[in-house]
């Protein structure tokens, strides 16, 4: 696993997004703010209001169909739902057959071999799994490349995906389902934790708005400490846990309730579901 900071893409590169939803929008915005020429970005989005908004906000070229957007693109970002990926790939296959651009997919569950087969075979493909905090530049993305992706193309993929946060490479594609279970679905686990803390505070007498504010800021502060302090999460936990104190009492309650086992079960369920999605959509 490796990561490195983003750097500007060459001005000569052209990038096409097939799909103009929230994730595509966040990446396009970050790339333009980072210095990529809007004239080098094309977006295919069937929804006319979304298409117009992308053109108005960023100055990118917009099209209603993928086959129109990908003409002569050096890099194609497949940013559509897994359920429509096969149709999209078949639609653009003829247009990309000669040029063999780098393909980057953010569709959950779909394997590189599936996408390559639907496109016609032999493409350099990077499969990645971002998460929703990418929309505010705080995402966590796992990436895996097939053997047709050379070092330069790997760098290009990382530059694009690192505009939305942390981007790391993994070595084996089967671990992408685990990435989905840990970080892809992970934000929802923490939203649930914030909800639970809020409800618990209200049950103890706090006004709901106060309980929510304290819960959100506590989770934010704890995440920042885990990211910036340099200590392991376990050591940070030990540092704030005094023997026979309030934190120790709370952690004992978590242990009695099987928190670690419950989290492991949740991640396993998401991982298994990712593998099932691949089979269902093939």
Protein backbone atom coordinates (compact mmCIF):
# COMPACT_ATOMS: atom_id res chain seq x y z
CA UNK A 1 0.00 0.00 0.00
CA UNK A 2 1.31 3.44 -0.91
CA UNK A 3 0.23 7.04 -1.32
CA UNK A 4 1.77 10.35 -2.27
CA UNK A 5 0.57 13.96 -2.51
CA UNK A 6 -1.27 15.11 -5.62
CA UNK A 7 0.47 17.08 -8.35
CA UNK A 8 -0.89 18.92 -11.41
CA UNK A 9 -1.86 16.89 -14.46
CA UNK A 10 -0.19 17.87 -17.74
CA UNK A 11 -2.18 20.48 -19.67
CA UNK A 12 -2.13 18.21 -22.72
CA UNK A 13 -4.21 15.49 -21.04
CA UNK A 14 -7.93 15.29 -21.75
CA UNK A 15 -10.29 13.77 -19.21
CA UNK A 16 -13.84 12.52 -19.75
CA UNK A 17 -16.34 11.78 -17.00
CA UNK A 18 -19.16 9.40 -17.83
CA UNK A 19 -21.66 10.36 -15.15
CA UNK A 20 -21.96 13.82 -13.62
CA UNK A 21 -23.30 13.06 -10.15
CA UNK A 22 -22.00 14.17 -6.76
CA UNK A 23 -18.73 12.25 -6.82
CA UNK A 24 -17.88 13.36 -10.35
CA UNK A 25 -18.78 16.94 -9.44
CA UNK A 26 -16.47 16.89 -6.42
CA UNK A 27 -13.56 15.59 -8.50
CA UNK A 28 -14.19 18.03 -11.35
CA UNK A 29 -14.32 20.96 -8.93
CA UNK A 30 -11.11 19.90 -7.21
CA UNK A 31 -9.29 19.38 -10.50
CA UNK A 32 -10.32 22.79 -11.86
CA UNK A 33 -9.38 24.50 -8.59
CA UNK A 34 -6.05 22.65 -8.75
CA UNK A 35 -5.24 24.15 -12.13
CA UNK A 36 -6.56 21.68 -14.72
CA UNK A 37 -7.99 23.50 -17.74
CA UNK A 38 -11.78 23.17 -17.85
CA UNK A 39 -11.49 22.97 -21.64
CA UNK A 40 -9.72 19.61 -21.19
CA UNK A 41 -12.64 18.09 -19.27
CA UNK A 42 -15.75 16.59 -20.88
CA UNK A 43 -18.73 15.24 -18.97
CA UNK A 44 -21.53 12.94 -20.11
CA UNK A 45 -24.67 13.32 -18.02
CA UNK A 46 -28.18 12.43 -19.24
CA UNK A 47 -29.90 14.67 -16.69
CA UNK A 48 -30.20 18.08 -18.38
CA UNK A 49 -30.30 20.27 -15.22
CA UNK A 50 -27.21 18.54 -13.84
CA UNK A 51 -25.48 18.86 -17.18
CA UNK A 52 -26.19 22.59 -17.38
CA UNK A 53 -25.06 23.17 -13.82
CA UNK A 54 -21.71 21.48 -14.47
CA UNK A 55 -21.16 23.64 -17.53
CA UNK A 56 -22.18 26.83 -15.71
CA UNK A 57 -20.17 26.13 -12.55
CA UNK A 58 -16.95 24.81 -14.04
CA UNK A 59 -16.92 25.68 -17.74
CA UNK A 60 -16.48 22.05 -18.80
CA UNK A 61 -17.86 20.60 -22.02
CA UNK A 62 -21.04 18.61 -21.45
CA UNK A 63 -22.83 15.93 -23.45
CA UNK A 64 -25.93 13.82 -23.03
CA UNK A 65 -24.26 10.53 -24.03
CA UNK A 66 -21.02 8.90 -22.98
CA UNK A 67 -19.95 8.11 -26.53
CA UNK A 68 -19.91 11.85 -27.29
CA UNK A 69 -17.82 12.77 -24.25
CA UNK A 70 -15.11 10.12 -24.58
CA UNK A 71 -13.97 10.95 -28.10
CA UNK A 72 -10.18 11.39 -28.00
CA UNK A 73 -10.06 11.33 -24.17
CA UNK A 74 -6.77 10.21 -22.60
CA UNK A 75 -8.46 9.25 -19.33
CA UNK A 76 -12.06 8.17 -18.80
CA UNK A 77 -13.64 8.25 -15.36
CA UNK A 78 -16.60 5.87 -15.13
CA UNK A 79 -18.74 7.54 -12.45
CA UNK A 80 -22.07 5.78 -12.91
CA UNK A 81 -24.00 3.39 -10.70
CA UNK A 82 -22.92 -0.27 -10.87
CA UNK A 83 -26.33 -1.27 -12.17
CA UNK A 84 -25.87 0.71 -15.42
CA UNK A 85 -22.13 0.18 -15.90
CA UNK A 86 -22.47 -2.66 -18.39
CA UNK A 87 -24.75 -0.61 -20.63
CA UNK A 88 -22.41 2.39 -20.43
CA UNK A 89 -19.33 0.31 -21.27
CA UNK A 90 -20.98 -1.36 -24.25
CA UNK A 91 -22.15 2.05 -25.48
CA UNK A 92 -18.65 3.61 -25.47
CA UNK A 93 -16.69 0.47 -26.48
CA UNK A 94 -16.50 1.37 -30.16
CA UNK A 95 -15.42 4.94 -29.48
CA UNK A 96 -12.50 3.91 -27.24
CA UNK A 97 -11.36 0.77 -29.07
CA UNK A 98 -8.56 2.43 -31.04
CA UNK A 99 -7.17 4.88 -28.49
CA UNK A 100 -7.15 2.56 -25.44
CA UNK A 101 -7.39 5.35 -22.82
CA UNK A 102 -6.82 4.85 -19.12
CA UNK A 103 -10.12 3.79 -17.55
CA UNK A 104 -10.88 4.67 -13.91
CA UNK A 105 -13.97 3.13 -12.32
CA UNK A 106 -15.53 4.20 -9.03
CA UNK A 107 -18.38 1.66 -9.20
CA UNK A 108 -18.74 -0.44 -6.06
CA UNK A 109 -18.45 -4.19 -6.42
CA UNK A 110 -17.55 -4.39 -10.11
CA UNK A 111 -14.30 -6.21 -10.90
CA UNK A 112 -11.68 -4.94 -13.33
CA UNK A 113 -12.15 -8.02 -15.52
CA UNK A 114 -15.87 -7.33 -15.84
CA UNK A 115 -15.38 -3.74 -16.95
CA UNK A 116 -12.58 -4.73 -19.33
CA UNK A 117 -14.74 -7.44 -20.90
CA UNK A 118 -17.69 -5.06 -21.39
CA UNK A 119 -15.36 -2.52 -23.07
CA UNK A 120 -13.94 -5.13 -25.42
CA UNK A 121 -10.76 -6.21 -23.60
CA UNK A 122 -7.16 -5.10 -23.23
CA UNK A 123 -7.68 -1.76 -21.47
CA UNK A 124 -5.56 -0.21 -18.70
CA UNK A 125 -8.03 0.00 -15.82
CA UNK A 126 -7.85 1.38 -12.30
CA UNK A 127 -10.65 0.36 -9.99
CA UNK A 128 -11.20 2.50 -6.94
CA UNK A 129 -13.51 2.80 -3.97
CA UNK A 130 -13.96 6.36 -2.68
CA UNK A 131 -16.31 7.38 0.11
CA UNK A 132 -18.73 10.27 0.55
CA UNK A 133 -16.38 12.60 2.50
CA UNK A 134 -14.63 12.96 -0.86
CA UNK A 135 -17.39 15.47 -1.56
CA UNK A 136 -15.72 17.86 0.93
CA UNK A 137 -12.12 16.92 0.11
CA UNK A 138 -11.79 14.56 3.07
CA UNK A 139 -12.28 11.23 1.35
CA UNK A 140 -10.49 7.91 1.69
CA UNK A 141 -10.03 5.98 -1.55
CA UNK A 142 -8.58 2.53 -2.16
CA UNK A 143 -7.18 1.78 -5.64
CA UNK A 144 -6.09 -1.28 -7.61
CA UNK A 145 -4.71 -1.37 -11.16
CA UNK A 146 -4.49 -4.16 -13.71
CA UNK A 147 -1.27 -5.13 -15.45
CA UNK A 148 -1.92 -2.84 -18.43
CA UNK A 149 -1.57 0.27 -16.24
CA UNK A 150 1.99 1.60 -16.36
CA UNK A 151 3.72 3.82 -13.80
CA UNK A 152 2.73 7.06 -15.54
CA UNK A 153 -0.92 6.02 -15.67
CA UNK A 154 -0.83 5.03 -11.99
CA UNK A 155 0.45 8.50 -11.15
CA UNK A 156 -2.30 10.09 -13.24
CA UNK A 157 -4.99 8.06 -11.47
CA UNK A 158 -3.60 8.95 -8.06
CA UNK A 159 -3.42 12.65 -8.93
CA UNK A 160 -7.09 12.65 -9.93
CA UNK A 161 -8.34 10.68 -6.95
CA UNK A 162 -6.13 12.43 -4.38
CA UNK A 163 -7.86 15.73 -5.18
CA UNK A 164 -10.70 14.48 -2.96
CA UNK A 165 -8.61 13.30 -0.01
CA UNK A 166 -6.37 10.33 0.78
CA UNK A 167 -5.78 7.80 -2.01
CA UNK A 168 -3.90 4.55 -1.37
CA UNK A 169 -2.99 1.55 -3.52
CA UNK A 170 -3.79 -2.02 -2.53
CA UNK A 171 -2.09 -5.08 -3.96
CA UNK A 172 -4.91 -7.61 -4.41
CA UNK A 173 -8.30 -6.90 -5.96
CA UNK A 174 -10.20 -9.15 -3.58
CA UNK A 175 -9.28 -6.68 -0.83
CA UNK A 176 -11.38 -4.01 -2.54
CA UNK A 177 -14.43 -5.59 -0.94
CA UNK A 178 -12.75 -5.09 2.42
CA UNK A 179 -11.93 -1.48 1.50
CA UNK A 180 -15.63 -1.08 0.79
CA UNK A 181 -16.50 -2.55 4.17
CA UNK A 182 -14.01 -0.38 6.09
CA UNK A 183 -13.90 3.01 4.37
CA UNK A 184 -16.44 2.90 1.55
CA UNK A 185 -19.36 2.21 3.89
CA UNK A 186 -17.49 3.49 6.94
CA UNK A 187 -18.89 7.05 7.05
CA UNK A 188 -22.37 5.63 7.68
CA UNK A 189 -21.03 3.82 10.76
CA UNK A 190 -19.84 7.10 12.20
CA UNK A 191 -23.05 8.91 11.33
CA UNK A 192 -24.82 6.18 13.28
CA UNK A 193 -22.42 6.67 16.20
CA UNK A 194 -23.15 10.41 16.19
CA UNK A 195 -26.89 9.65 16.18
CA UNK A 196 -26.46 7.24 19.09
CA UNK A 197 -24.40 9.73 21.13
CA UNK A 198 -26.97 12.44 20.42
CA UNK A 199 -29.86 10.24 21.52
CA UNK A 200 -27.98 9.13 24.63
CA UNK A 201 -27.29 12.75 25.58
CA UNK A 202 -30.95 13.64 25.12
CA UNK A 203 -31.96 10.67 27.26
CA UNK A 204 -29.72 12.05 30.02
CA UNK A 205 -31.36 15.49 29.82
CA UNK A 206 -29.38 17.51 27.26
CA UNK A 207 -31.27 19.59 24.67
CA UNK A 208 -31.09 17.79 21.32
CA UNK A 209 -29.25 20.58 19.53
CA UNK A 210 -26.63 20.71 22.28
CA UNK A 211 -26.24 16.91 22.29
CA UNK A 212 -25.83 16.84 18.52
CA UNK A 213 -23.27 19.66 18.50
CA UNK A 214 -21.20 18.01 21.22
CA UNK A 215 -21.39 14.58 19.52
CA UNK A 216 -20.32 15.91 16.12
CA UNK A 217 -17.45 17.98 17.51
CA UNK A 218 -16.27 15.10 19.70
CA UNK A 219 -16.10 12.73 16.71
CA UNK A 220 -14.38 15.39 14.61
CA UNK A 221 -11.82 16.15 17.31
CA UNK A 222 -11.12 12.49 17.99
CA UNK A 223 -10.58 11.81 14.27
CA UNK A 224 -8.21 14.76 13.99
CA UNK A 225 -6.22 13.55 16.99
CA UNK A 226 -5.99 10.06 15.50
CA UNK A 227 -4.78 11.56 12.21
CA UNK A 228 -2.36 14.16 13.58
CA UNK A 229 -1.03 12.92 16.93
CA UNK A 230 1.15 10.10 15.61
CA UNK A 231 0.07 7.61 18.27
CA UNK A 232 -2.01 4.53 17.52
CA UNK A 233 -5.75 4.76 18.26
CA UNK A 234 -5.26 2.22 21.03
CA UNK A 235 -2.65 4.39 22.74
CA UNK A 236 -4.82 7.49 22.39
CA UNK A 237 -7.68 5.58 24.01
CA UNK A 238 -5.44 4.55 26.90
CA UNK A 239 -4.29 8.13 27.42
CA UNK A 240 -7.84 9.36 28.05
CA UNK A 241 -8.88 6.40 30.20
CA UNK A 242 -8.18 6.82 33.91
CA UNK A 243 -8.55 3.72 36.12
CA UNK A 244 -12.02 3.59 37.68
CA UNK A 245 -12.95 6.82 35.91
CA UNK A 246 -15.91 7.80 33.75
CA UNK A 247 -14.29 6.79 30.44
CA UNK A 248 -13.30 3.40 31.86
CA UNK A 249 -16.91 2.83 32.93
CA UNK A 250 -18.17 3.67 29.46
CA UNK A 251 -15.59 1.47 27.72
CA UNK A 252 -16.49 -1.42 30.05
CA UNK A 253 -20.10 -1.04 28.89
CA UNK A 254 -18.97 -1.15 25.26
CA UNK A 255 -16.96 -4.30 25.97
CA UNK A 256 -19.87 -6.01 27.68
CA UNK A 257 -22.02 -5.18 24.67
CA UNK A 258 -19.48 -6.74 22.29
CA UNK A 259 -18.63 -3.55 20.38
CA UNK A 260 -15.50 -4.96 18.70
CA UNK A 261 -17.31 -8.11 17.62
CA UNK A 262 -20.25 -6.06 16.33
CA UNK A 263 -17.97 -3.82 14.24
CA UNK A 264 -16.18 -6.88 12.84
CA UNK A 265 -19.55 -8.40 11.94
CA UNK A 266 -20.67 -5.18 10.21
CA UNK A 267 -17.49 -4.90 8.13
CA UNK A 268 -17.76 -8.57 7.20
CA UNK A 269 -21.38 -8.08 6.09
CA UNK A 270 -20.41 -5.15 3.85
CA UNK A 271 -17.44 -7.09 2.45
CA UNK A 272 -19.58 -10.11 1.61
CA UNK A 273 -22.23 -7.90 0.02
CA UNK A 274 -19.59 -6.29 -2.22
CA UNK A 275 -18.63 -9.70 -3.59
CA UNK A 276 -22.28 -10.60 -4.09
CA UNK A 277 -22.90 -7.41 -6.07
CA UNK A 278 -20.16 -8.33 -8.50
CA UNK A 279 -21.75 -11.69 -9.21
CA UNK A 280 -25.26 -10.24 -9.51
CA UNK A 281 -24.20 -7.55 -12.00
CA UNK A 282 -22.05 -9.79 -14.20
